[in-house]
């Protein structure tokens, strides 16, 4: 057998470099190239802003439960005052006294059971459910409704499919408070995911609202989504504001509240007076209010949204004061404290809310017109939120101790396009098919 020929490697490096030295050199060269590639990949990731926030599932559970407890306590405490004080501040001595058993009054409140219709739709049909299926499910709800909710459901039952069911041409309550009081679920199942909140508003808010009526729900949902990672009330309100068109009257109203709060951080009644003058007494801001520009009764989304923001800002993180201030602002004075306390409850978590607000909670009772107990709602929300994390490109990891941790991408929201009820865009000419109408059990106008 003849002598072996020199390898390509040894020839490449000549007489002065042994095979061993050449191999080591190439190994280092390879590692250098791999490192450069990793750095380049990391820079590319930074270029697109791929940052993640970590949310342990145990923290999510605590905060999400706090959000539901806050809603329940707020609506139950404010319930006796609803629309009894219109265009006036509720006197301090007329504020009901909280009793722990009052929490169970929330099981029969539309603030809670209507949004659970939307949760049920997502649970059964998944995140990709169509707006038409959402409309069919809402049309088949069996509870009494009012204002935009009732008009929207009547439209659905008569064959007007969404989004036209919420369009001002068919719904004269389209700027009302309805989706705003029912949007809490959207932030509770989308922690740190404001774009999902906006998308949910486009699906469920369109069933009964339009313009500011939709934006109110997206604003509320955006605050909930932020409350999983933020505790400062100003920044939470600002986060909700980023979820809606900045040219809208609703956004203008919330910016006013933020500005007036900065000017008088310890005098909520002064801010209330400014809101009353601009958003209740000024007909330019009540052009599409169902109650009309001369009525003291005002169910318009933006003025009631202002009272939600006031409760959060002037409550300064105090659970009771947040509810009291949002209630004493009047008008829809059970829904507004429900939203405000729900957002703050998400910040605090169940563990951070005084036991007097949830110690008497009846865990065996079901919410009216739903299949859900309190614990059922928590389980459904966790299931949907886990799906949401993966849906937006997040990750689920397990810590060395075995705890599940959600990694949620940080992304700025892109709000819906601007719409105004007094200058609405064209209708979609959306109608249910004969097959879809066969799935709707009730005629329009029927109140169960």
Protein backbone atom coordinates (compact mmCIF):
# COMPACT_ATOMS: atom_id res chain seq x y z
CA UNK A 1 0.00 0.00 0.00
CA UNK A 2 1.49 3.35 -1.01
CA UNK A 3 2.01 6.31 1.30
CA UNK A 4 -1.04 8.42 2.18
CA UNK A 5 -1.51 11.69 0.35
CA UNK A 6 -1.53 14.89 2.43
CA UNK A 7 -5.05 15.91 3.48
CA UNK A 8 -6.65 19.01 2.03
CA UNK A 9 -6.58 20.53 5.50
CA UNK A 10 -2.83 20.05 5.99
CA UNK A 11 -2.08 21.24 2.46
CA UNK A 12 -4.11 24.38 3.04
CA UNK A 13 -2.05 25.46 5.98
CA UNK A 14 1.36 24.40 4.65
CA UNK A 15 4.31 22.84 6.30
CA UNK A 16 4.42 25.03 9.37
CA UNK A 17 0.96 24.06 10.76
CA UNK A 18 0.18 20.55 11.98
CA UNK A 19 -3.22 18.92 11.44
CA UNK A 20 -4.04 19.37 15.14
CA UNK A 21 -3.28 23.11 15.12
CA UNK A 22 -5.28 23.63 11.94
CA UNK A 23 -8.32 21.81 13.40
CA UNK A 24 -8.22 23.95 16.52
CA UNK A 25 -7.99 27.09 14.42
CA UNK A 26 -10.96 26.09 12.31
CA UNK A 27 -12.97 25.21 15.43
CA UNK A 28 -12.40 28.70 16.83
CA UNK A 29 -13.25 30.21 13.44
CA UNK A 30 -16.50 28.26 13.38
CA UNK A 31 -17.41 29.37 16.91
CA UNK A 32 -16.68 32.96 15.97
CA UNK A 33 -19.07 32.73 13.01
CA UNK A 34 -21.78 31.10 15.15
CA UNK A 35 -21.43 33.87 17.73
CA UNK A 36 -21.69 36.55 15.04
CA UNK A 37 -24.82 34.82 13.75
CA UNK A 38 -26.41 34.73 17.18
CA UNK A 39 -25.63 38.39 17.76
CA UNK A 40 -27.05 39.29 14.36
CA UNK A 41 -30.17 37.27 15.11
CA UNK A 42 -30.53 38.99 18.45
CA UNK A 43 -30.17 42.40 16.85
CA UNK A 44 -32.75 41.44 14.26
CA UNK A 45 -35.11 40.49 17.09
CA UNK A 46 -34.45 43.82 18.77
CA UNK A 47 -35.14 45.59 15.49
CA UNK A 48 -38.69 44.29 15.42
CA UNK A 49 -39.19 45.02 19.10
CA UNK A 50 -39.60 41.41 20.21
CA UNK A 51 -39.72 41.83 23.97
CA UNK A 52 -41.58 39.57 26.39
CA UNK A 53 -43.18 40.12 29.79
CA UNK A 54 -43.30 37.21 32.21
CA UNK A 55 -46.54 36.34 33.98
CA UNK A 56 -46.53 33.33 36.34
CA UNK A 57 -49.86 31.54 36.06
CA UNK A 58 -50.30 31.79 39.83
CA UNK A 59 -50.12 35.58 39.55
CA UNK A 60 -52.53 35.55 36.62
CA UNK A 61 -55.04 33.49 38.60
CA UNK A 62 -54.86 35.84 41.57
CA UNK A 63 -55.23 38.99 39.50
CA UNK A 64 -57.95 37.63 37.24
CA UNK A 65 -59.97 36.52 40.27
CA UNK A 66 -59.45 39.99 41.75
CA UNK A 67 -60.86 41.48 38.57
CA UNK A 68 -64.08 39.49 38.90
CA UNK A 69 -64.38 40.24 42.61
CA UNK A 70 -63.92 43.94 41.88
CA UNK A 71 -66.69 43.89 39.29
CA UNK A 72 -69.03 42.10 41.65
CA UNK A 73 -68.33 44.35 44.62
CA UNK A 74 -68.61 47.52 42.53
CA UNK A 75 -71.95 46.68 40.95
CA UNK A 76 -73.41 45.35 44.20
CA UNK A 77 -72.35 48.36 46.27
CA UNK A 78 -73.49 50.91 43.69
CA UNK A 79 -76.64 49.01 42.72
CA UNK A 80 -79.11 50.83 45.03
CA UNK A 81 -78.09 54.20 43.55
CA UNK A 82 -78.42 53.39 39.83
CA UNK A 83 -79.80 56.41 37.91
CA UNK A 84 -81.29 57.87 41.10
CA UNK A 85 -78.87 60.80 40.82
CA UNK A 86 -78.63 62.23 37.33
CA UNK A 87 -76.55 65.30 36.56
CA UNK A 88 -75.67 65.58 40.23
CA UNK A 89 -73.17 64.20 42.70
CA UNK A 90 -74.56 61.64 45.13
CA UNK A 91 -74.39 63.10 48.66
CA UNK A 92 -71.90 61.28 50.86
CA UNK A 93 -74.58 60.35 53.40
CA UNK A 94 -76.61 58.66 50.63
CA UNK A 95 -73.84 56.22 49.77
CA UNK A 96 -74.93 52.72 50.86
CA UNK A 97 -72.98 51.01 53.62
CA UNK A 98 -71.09 47.94 52.47
CA UNK A 99 -72.05 44.62 54.00
CA UNK A 100 -70.07 41.45 53.09
CA UNK A 101 -73.15 39.49 51.96
CA UNK A 102 -73.88 42.19 49.34
CA UNK A 103 -71.30 40.57 47.03
CA UNK A 104 -73.85 37.90 46.13
CA UNK A 105 -76.25 40.51 44.71
CA UNK A 106 -73.92 40.57 41.69
CA UNK A 107 -75.04 37.11 40.54
CA UNK A 108 -78.21 38.68 39.14
CA UNK A 109 -76.62 41.75 37.51
CA UNK A 110 -76.52 42.22 33.73
CA UNK A 111 -73.02 43.71 34.06
CA UNK A 112 -71.86 40.17 34.76
CA UNK A 113 -74.13 37.75 32.97
CA UNK A 114 -74.19 39.52 29.59
CA UNK A 115 -70.40 39.41 29.24
CA UNK A 116 -70.54 35.74 30.20
CA UNK A 117 -72.56 35.16 27.04
CA UNK A 118 -69.47 36.29 25.14
CA UNK A 119 -67.21 34.11 27.28
CA UNK A 120 -69.44 31.14 26.51
CA UNK A 121 -69.25 31.84 22.77
CA UNK A 122 -65.44 31.83 22.96
CA UNK A 123 -65.39 28.73 25.14
CA UNK A 124 -67.61 26.75 22.75
CA UNK A 125 -66.47 28.08 19.36
CA UNK A 126 -62.90 29.21 20.05
CA UNK A 127 -60.98 32.40 19.37
CA UNK A 128 -61.71 32.27 15.64
CA UNK A 129 -65.49 32.35 16.11
CA UNK A 130 -67.15 34.53 13.48
CA UNK A 131 -68.98 37.72 14.35
CA UNK A 132 -72.09 36.14 12.82
CA UNK A 133 -71.95 33.19 15.24
CA UNK A 134 -71.40 35.63 18.10
CA UNK A 135 -74.54 37.42 16.92
CA UNK A 136 -76.57 34.21 16.83
CA UNK A 137 -75.49 33.35 20.37
CA UNK A 138 -76.41 36.83 21.61
CA UNK A 139 -79.75 36.65 19.78
CA UNK A 140 -80.51 33.46 21.71
CA UNK A 141 -79.82 35.00 25.13
CA UNK A 142 -82.80 34.75 27.48
CA UNK A 143 -82.41 37.73 29.81
CA UNK A 144 -84.05 41.15 29.74
CA UNK A 145 -82.08 43.91 28.02
CA UNK A 146 -82.25 47.67 27.59
CA UNK A 147 -80.92 50.41 25.30
CA UNK A 148 -78.20 49.39 22.80
CA UNK A 149 -78.23 45.79 23.98
CA UNK A 150 -81.94 45.41 23.40
CA UNK A 151 -81.91 47.25 20.07
CA UNK A 152 -78.96 45.18 18.89
CA UNK A 153 -80.55 41.90 19.92
CA UNK A 154 -83.86 42.87 18.29
CA UNK A 155 -81.96 43.61 15.10
CA UNK A 156 -80.23 40.23 15.24
CA UNK A 157 -83.51 38.43 15.82
CA UNK A 158 -85.06 40.23 12.86
CA UNK A 159 -82.25 39.10 10.57
CA UNK A 160 -79.95 42.14 10.63
CA UNK A 161 -76.55 40.52 11.12
CA UNK A 162 -73.56 42.20 12.73
CA UNK A 163 -71.96 44.65 12.28
CA UNK A 164 -75.18 46.30 11.03
CA UNK A 165 -76.98 45.30 14.24
CA UNK A 166 -74.98 48.02 16.00
CA UNK A 167 -74.99 50.57 13.19
CA UNK A 168 -76.78 53.89 13.88
CA UNK A 169 -79.06 53.37 10.90
CA UNK A 170 -80.64 50.46 12.75
CA UNK A 171 -79.68 51.15 16.37
CA UNK A 172 -80.51 54.55 17.86
CA UNK A 173 -78.63 53.67 21.05
CA UNK A 174 -75.31 52.96 19.32
CA UNK A 175 -73.27 55.38 21.48
CA UNK A 176 -74.71 54.07 24.74
CA UNK A 177 -72.83 52.43 27.56
CA UNK A 178 -73.74 48.81 26.80
CA UNK A 179 -70.54 47.20 25.51
CA UNK A 180 -68.54 49.34 27.93
CA UNK A 181 -70.17 47.65 30.92
CA UNK A 182 -69.69 44.19 29.36
CA UNK A 183 -66.10 44.41 28.11
CA UNK A 184 -64.31 43.49 31.34
CA UNK A 185 -63.91 39.89 30.15
CA UNK A 186 -61.85 41.03 27.15
CA UNK A 187 -58.95 42.30 29.26
CA UNK A 188 -59.17 39.50 31.79
CA UNK A 189 -58.55 36.88 29.07
CA UNK A 190 -55.91 38.99 27.29
CA UNK A 191 -53.39 40.00 29.99
CA UNK A 192 -50.86 42.37 28.47
CA UNK A 193 -52.41 41.85 25.00
CA UNK A 194 -54.24 45.08 24.12
CA UNK A 195 -54.56 44.24 20.43
CA UNK A 196 -56.65 41.19 21.32
CA UNK A 197 -58.87 43.47 23.42
CA UNK A 198 -59.42 45.66 20.35
CA UNK A 199 -60.22 42.61 18.21
CA UNK A 200 -62.73 41.36 20.76
CA UNK A 201 -64.41 44.75 20.71
CA UNK A 202 -64.68 44.52 16.94
CA UNK A 203 -66.38 41.14 17.33
CA UNK A 204 -68.64 41.52 20.36
CA UNK A 205 -68.98 45.31 20.66
CA UNK A 206 -70.33 45.48 17.11
CA UNK A 207 -73.32 43.38 18.07
CA UNK A 208 -74.94 46.43 19.71
CA UNK A 209 -72.66 49.48 19.46
CA UNK A 210 -70.80 51.76 17.06
CA UNK A 211 -68.19 54.52 17.36
CA UNK A 212 -67.74 55.71 20.95
CA UNK A 213 -69.99 52.89 22.10
CA UNK A 214 -67.42 50.36 20.87
CA UNK A 215 -64.43 52.45 21.96
CA UNK A 216 -65.72 52.55 25.55
CA UNK A 217 -65.43 48.78 25.77
CA UNK A 218 -62.01 48.76 24.15
CA UNK A 219 -60.85 51.44 26.61
CA UNK A 220 -62.07 49.42 29.59
CA UNK A 221 -60.64 46.17 28.26
CA UNK A 222 -57.32 47.88 27.57
CA UNK A 223 -57.11 49.04 31.19
CA UNK A 224 -57.72 45.49 32.41
CA UNK A 225 -55.02 44.13 30.09
CA UNK A 226 -52.56 46.70 31.45
CA UNK A 227 -53.52 46.05 35.08
CA UNK A 228 -51.71 42.69 35.05
CA UNK A 229 -48.39 44.51 34.71
CA UNK A 230 -49.05 48.08 35.89
CA UNK A 231 -50.22 49.52 39.21
CA UNK A 232 -50.13 53.30 38.64
CA UNK A 233 -53.70 54.48 37.89
CA UNK A 234 -52.52 57.21 35.51
CA UNK A 235 -50.53 54.77 33.40
CA UNK A 236 -53.41 52.30 33.41
CA UNK A 237 -55.84 54.95 32.13
CA UNK A 238 -53.27 56.00 29.53
CA UNK A 239 -52.91 52.37 28.42
CA UNK A 240 -56.66 52.13 27.87
CA UNK A 241 -56.57 55.39 25.95
CA UNK A 242 -54.01 53.96 23.52
CA UNK A 243 -56.55 51.30 22.51
CA UNK A 244 -59.00 53.75 20.90
CA UNK A 245 -58.85 56.31 18.06
CA UNK A 246 -57.28 59.48 19.39
CA UNK A 247 -59.57 61.69 17.25
CA UNK A 248 -62.71 60.31 18.90
CA UNK A 249 -64.78 62.26 21.40
CA UNK A 250 -64.30 59.38 23.82
CA UNK A 251 -60.52 59.83 23.71
CA UNK A 252 -60.94 63.60 24.10
CA UNK A 253 -63.03 63.02 27.21
CA UNK A 254 -60.47 60.72 28.83
CA UNK A 255 -57.62 63.12 28.01
CA UNK A 256 -59.64 65.86 29.70
CA UNK A 257 -60.07 63.73 32.80
CA UNK A 258 -56.32 63.06 32.95
CA UNK A 259 -55.53 66.76 32.54
CA UNK A 260 -58.09 67.91 35.10
CA UNK A 261 -56.87 65.27 37.54
CA UNK A 262 -53.33 66.65 37.23
CA UNK A 263 -54.67 70.15 37.87
CA UNK A 264 -56.72 69.10 40.92
CA UNK A 265 -55.41 65.71 42.14
CA UNK A 266 -57.21 65.96 45.47
CA UNK A 267 -60.53 67.46 44.37
CA UNK A 268 -62.57 65.01 42.32
CA UNK A 269 -65.70 67.15 42.60
CA UNK A 270 -63.96 69.98 40.72
CA UNK A 271 -63.19 67.57 37.89
CA UNK A 272 -66.78 66.29 37.99
CA UNK A 273 -68.07 69.84 37.47
CA UNK A 274 -65.88 70.30 34.38
CA UNK A 275 -67.06 66.97 32.94
CA UNK A 276 -70.68 67.93 33.60
CA UNK A 277 -70.29 71.25 31.81
CA UNK A 278 -68.58 69.87 28.72
CA UNK A 279 -69.98 66.35 28.31
CA UNK A 280 -73.49 66.59 29.75
CA UNK A 281 -74.72 70.17 29.37
CA UNK A 282 -73.03 70.91 26.04
CA UNK A 283 -75.19 69.58 23.18
CA UNK A 284 -72.15 69.24 20.90
CA UNK A 285 -71.15 66.25 23.02
CA UNK A 286 -74.61 64.73 23.24
CA UNK A 287 -75.51 64.67 19.57
CA UNK A 288 -76.20 60.96 19.57
CA UNK A 289 -77.18 60.31 23.15
CA UNK A 290 -80.33 58.18 23.38
CA UNK A 291 -81.53 60.42 26.18
CA UNK A 292 -81.26 63.61 24.13
CA UNK A 293 -79.28 66.80 24.82
CA UNK A 294 -81.83 68.29 27.24
CA UNK A 295 -82.34 65.31 29.51
CA UNK A 296 -80.56 64.87 32.84
CA UNK A 297 -80.49 61.13 32.17
CA UNK A 298 -77.25 60.37 30.31
CA UNK A 299 -76.28 56.84 29.34
CA UNK A 300 -73.72 57.99 26.77
CA UNK A 301 -70.55 55.89 26.91
CA UNK A 302 -68.00 58.68 27.24
CA UNK A 303 -69.39 60.56 30.25
CA UNK A 304 -69.80 57.31 32.15
CA UNK A 305 -66.32 56.31 30.99
CA UNK A 306 -65.06 59.53 32.53
CA UNK A 307 -66.54 58.45 35.86
CA UNK A 308 -64.74 55.10 35.60
CA UNK A 309 -61.45 56.90 35.05
CA UNK A 310 -62.20 59.29 37.92
CA UNK A 311 -62.79 56.40 40.31
CA UNK A 312 -59.43 54.90 39.42
CA UNK A 313 -57.48 58.15 39.49
CA UNK A 314 -58.96 59.75 42.58
CA UNK A 315 -59.29 56.43 44.40
CA UNK A 316 -55.48 56.30 44.34
CA UNK A 317 -55.36 52.53 44.73
CA UNK A 318 -57.84 52.34 47.63
CA UNK A 319 -60.49 49.73 46.80
CA UNK A 320 -63.34 51.29 48.79
CA UNK A 321 -62.61 54.87 47.69
CA UNK A 322 -62.43 53.82 44.04
CA UNK A 323 -65.96 52.39 44.28
CA UNK A 324 -67.31 55.29 46.34
CA UNK A 325 -66.04 58.00 43.97
CA UNK A 326 -67.15 56.20 40.79
CA UNK A 327 -70.57 55.66 42.38
CA UNK A 328 -71.01 59.20 43.70
CA UNK A 329 -70.40 60.60 40.20
CA UNK A 330 -73.98 59.46 39.52
CA UNK A 331 -75.71 58.46 36.26
CA UNK A 332 -75.05 54.71 35.69
CA UNK A 333 -73.71 54.48 39.20
CA UNK A 334 -73.53 50.71 39.53
CA UNK A 335 -71.90 49.93 36.18
CA UNK A 336 -69.18 52.57 36.51
CA UNK A 337 -67.90 51.42 39.91
CA UNK A 338 -68.06 47.85 38.65
CA UNK A 339 -65.65 48.68 35.82
CA UNK A 340 -63.38 50.80 38.02
CA UNK A 341 -63.20 48.29 40.86
CA UNK A 342 -62.68 45.45 38.39
CA UNK A 343 -59.60 47.14 36.97
CA UNK A 344 -58.25 47.94 40.43
CA UNK A 345 -59.12 44.43 41.61
CA UNK A 346 -56.92 43.12 38.80
CA UNK A 347 -54.06 45.28 40.04
CA UNK A 348 -54.51 44.12 43.63
CA UNK A 349 -55.41 40.49 42.99
CA UNK A 350 -57.78 38.55 45.17
CA UNK A 351 -55.00 38.30 47.76
CA UNK A 352 -54.76 42.10 47.94
CA UNK A 353 -58.49 42.83 48.36
CA UNK A 354 -59.77 43.01 51.91
CA UNK A 355 -61.67 39.86 52.90
CA UNK A 356 -64.78 41.89 53.72
CA UNK A 357 -65.39 42.19 49.96
CA UNK A 358 -65.28 38.48 49.15
CA UNK A 359 -65.46 36.41 52.35
CA UNK A 360 -69.21 35.88 51.95
CA UNK A 361 -69.01 34.97 48.24
CA UNK A 362 -71.30 32.00 47.50
CA UNK A 363 -69.14 29.66 45.44
CA UNK A 364 -72.02 27.26 44.80
CA UNK A 365 -74.28 29.85 43.17
CA UNK A 366 -74.53 30.30 39.40
CA UNK A 367 -74.64 33.66 37.63
CA UNK A 368 -78.11 34.33 36.30
CA UNK A 369 -78.78 32.92 32.81
CA UNK A 370 -75.37 31.22 32.64
CA UNK A 371 -73.94 27.76 33.38
CA UNK A 372 -71.17 29.37 35.45
CA UNK A 373 -70.33 29.50 39.13
CA UNK A 374 -67.60 31.89 40.23
CA UNK A 375 -64.97 29.16 40.00
CA UNK A 376 -66.29 28.09 36.60
CA UNK A 377 -65.71 31.61 35.29
CA UNK A 378 -62.14 31.54 36.59
CA UNK A 379 -61.46 28.23 34.86
CA UNK A 380 -62.88 29.41 31.52
CA UNK A 381 -60.87 32.64 31.65
CA UNK A 382 -57.64 30.79 32.39
CA UNK A 383 -58.25 28.37 29.52
CA UNK A 384 -58.90 31.22 27.07
CA UNK A 385 -55.98 33.32 28.34
CA UNK A 386 -53.57 30.41 27.92
CA UNK A 387 -54.76 30.05 24.32
CA UNK A 388 -54.39 33.80 23.85
CA UNK A 389 -50.72 33.75 24.90
CA UNK A 390 -49.89 31.27 22.14
CA UNK A 391 -52.20 33.01 19.68
CA UNK A 392 -50.18 36.24 19.83
CA UNK A 393 -46.83 34.48 19.53
CA UNK A 394 -46.08 34.12 23.21
CA UNK A 395 -44.57 31.14 24.98
CA UNK A 396 -45.36 28.96 27.95
CA UNK A 397 -42.44 27.82 30.06
CA UNK A 398 -41.98 25.88 33.27
CA UNK A 399 -39.71 27.27 35.96
CA UNK A 400 -37.16 25.06 37.80
CA UNK A 401 -39.67 24.83 40.65
CA UNK A 402 -42.34 23.53 38.27
CA UNK A 403 -44.42 26.72 37.99
CA UNK A 404 -46.00 27.60 34.65
CA UNK A 405 -44.92 31.00 33.34
CA UNK A 406 -46.43 32.85 30.39
CA UNK A 407 -44.14 34.94 28.18
CA UNK A 408 -46.28 37.61 26.54
CA UNK A 409 -44.97 39.71 23.62
CA UNK A 410 -44.90 43.45 24.25
CA UNK A 411 -46.68 45.19 21.38
CA UNK A 412 -48.33 48.58 21.03
CA UNK A 413 -52.00 48.43 20.05
CA UNK A 414 -53.36 49.60 16.73
CA UNK A 415 -56.83 51.11 17.36
CA UNK A 416 -59.89 50.64 15.20
CA UNK A 417 -60.65 53.27 12.56
CA UNK A 418 -62.52 56.40 13.60
CA UNK A 419 -66.32 56.26 13.38
CA UNK A 420 -68.87 58.73 14.72
CA UNK A 421 -72.53 58.00 15.28
CA UNK A 422 -73.62 61.43 14.06
CA UNK A 423 -71.68 60.93 10.78
CA UNK A 424 -71.76 57.16 10.32
CA UNK A 425 -70.14 55.29 7.49
CA UNK A 426 -72.10 53.06 5.12
CA UNK A 427 -73.87 49.95 6.35
CA UNK A 428 -72.42 46.54 5.49
CA UNK A 429 -75.74 45.21 4.17
CA UNK A 430 -75.21 42.20 6.43
CA UNK A 431 -78.19 39.86 6.75
CA UNK A 432 -78.46 36.40 8.24
CA UNK A 433 -79.07 33.57 5.81
CA UNK A 434 -82.14 31.38 6.04
CA UNK A 435 -80.03 28.67 7.65
CA UNK A 436 -78.67 31.11 10.22
CA UNK A 437 -82.15 32.43 11.01
CA UNK A 438 -83.25 28.86 11.70
CA UNK A 439 -80.75 28.83 14.60
CA UNK A 440 -82.34 31.90 16.27
CA UNK A 441 -85.01 30.83 18.73
CA UNK A 442 -86.80 34.09 19.52
CA UNK A 443 -88.63 36.77 17.54
CA UNK A 444 -87.60 40.44 17.81
CA UNK A 445 -89.10 42.42 20.65
CA UNK A 446 -89.64 39.45 22.94
CA UNK A 447 -88.25 39.97 26.45
CA UNK A 448 -87.87 36.77 28.41
